[in-house]
Protein backbone atom coordinates (compact mmCIF):
# COMPACT_ATOMS: atom_id res chain seq x y z
CA MET A 1 86.21 105.35 105.92
CA VAL A 2 87.88 101.97 106.17
CA ALA A 3 89.16 100.31 103.01
CA ASP A 4 88.01 96.74 102.43
CA HIS A 5 91.14 95.89 100.50
CA VAL A 6 94.55 97.56 100.54
CA GLU A 7 97.07 96.89 97.79
CA ARG A 8 100.72 96.56 98.83
CA LEU A 9 103.58 98.06 96.87
CA ALA A 10 107.31 98.03 97.69
CA MET A 11 110.16 99.97 96.11
CA ALA A 12 113.61 101.30 96.88
CA PRO A 13 114.42 105.00 97.26
CA GLY A 14 114.94 106.39 93.76
CA GLN A 15 113.02 103.54 92.13
CA SER A 16 109.93 104.33 90.03
CA LYS A 17 106.88 102.27 89.05
CA LEU A 18 104.31 103.19 86.43
CA LEU A 19 100.76 102.32 87.47
CA ARG A 20 98.11 102.00 84.77
CA SER A 21 94.38 102.15 85.44
CA GLN A 22 91.54 100.89 83.26
CA VAL A 23 89.51 103.98 84.18
CA ASP A 24 90.44 107.65 84.53
CA VAL A 25 92.06 108.64 87.82
CA HIS A 26 90.34 111.75 89.17
CA ARG A 27 92.41 112.48 92.27
CA THR A 28 95.32 111.08 94.28
CA ALA A 29 96.57 111.61 97.82
CA VAL A 30 99.77 110.62 99.62
CA GLY A 31 99.80 110.30 103.40
CA ASP A 32 103.46 111.33 103.70
CA PRO A 33 104.64 113.23 100.59
CA GLY A 34 108.20 113.05 101.92
CA LEU A 35 108.32 109.32 101.10
CA CYS A 36 107.19 109.33 97.47
CA ASN A 37 106.39 111.51 94.50
CA LEU A 38 103.41 111.04 92.15
CA LEU A 39 103.52 112.22 88.55
CA HIS A 40 100.38 111.95 86.40
CA TYR A 41 101.44 111.15 82.82
CA SER A 42 97.84 110.86 81.66
CA SER A 43 94.42 110.34 83.20
CA ARG A 44 95.19 106.60 83.38
CA GLU A 45 98.94 106.55 84.13
CA VAL A 46 100.60 107.58 87.38
CA LEU A 47 104.32 107.26 88.11
CA ILE A 48 105.29 106.64 91.75
CA THR A 49 108.90 107.36 92.75
CA GLY A 50 110.28 106.44 96.17
CA LYS A 51 112.13 109.27 97.92
CA ARG A 52 113.25 107.88 101.28
CA GLU A 53 112.61 104.83 103.43
CA GLY A 54 109.32 104.54 105.27
CA THR A 55 105.69 103.50 104.85
CA THR A 56 102.74 105.58 103.67
CA ARG A 57 99.35 105.22 102.03
CA VAL A 58 98.60 106.35 98.48
CA THR A 59 94.91 106.65 97.54
CA PHE A 60 93.40 106.87 94.06
CA TRP A 61 89.88 108.10 93.27
CA PHE A 62 88.31 107.40 89.89
CA LYS A 63 86.42 109.77 87.62
CA ASP A 64 83.58 107.43 86.66
CA GLY A 65 82.23 107.23 90.23
CA ALA A 66 81.42 103.54 89.73
CA HIS A 67 84.76 102.33 91.08
CA PRO A 68 85.54 102.79 94.79
CA PRO A 69 88.80 104.47 95.79
CA VAL A 70 91.88 102.23 95.91
CA THR A 71 94.48 102.59 98.65
CA CYS A 72 98.03 101.28 98.30
CA LEU A 73 100.25 100.71 101.29
CA LEU A 74 103.63 101.81 99.96
CA HIS A 75 106.83 100.54 101.59
CA VAL A 76 109.95 102.41 100.49
CA THR A 77 112.84 100.27 101.65
CA ALA A 78 116.44 99.51 100.71
CA ASP A 79 115.40 95.87 100.03
CA PRO A 80 111.92 95.91 98.43
CA ALA A 81 112.06 92.14 97.79
CA ALA A 82 111.90 91.58 101.55
CA ASP A 83 108.43 93.19 101.70
CA ARG A 84 106.85 90.80 99.19
């Protein structure tokens, strides 16, 4: 499967970002779990924390089935502002 649109997200190692969805997140996957950690606070809130520098994909599937999966290209870098 090829994603039509890939979101981009940048953060530093140790930095966290809370992502909120308008629909329930059913499942998540991380290409390289050594780069980031995902913590589900609720069915609509997921915290991403960068672990070490690198790039990976994070994919979200939604419970309603009406919304296609969303893939984020995550860059964990010492200078996240440079990736914007």
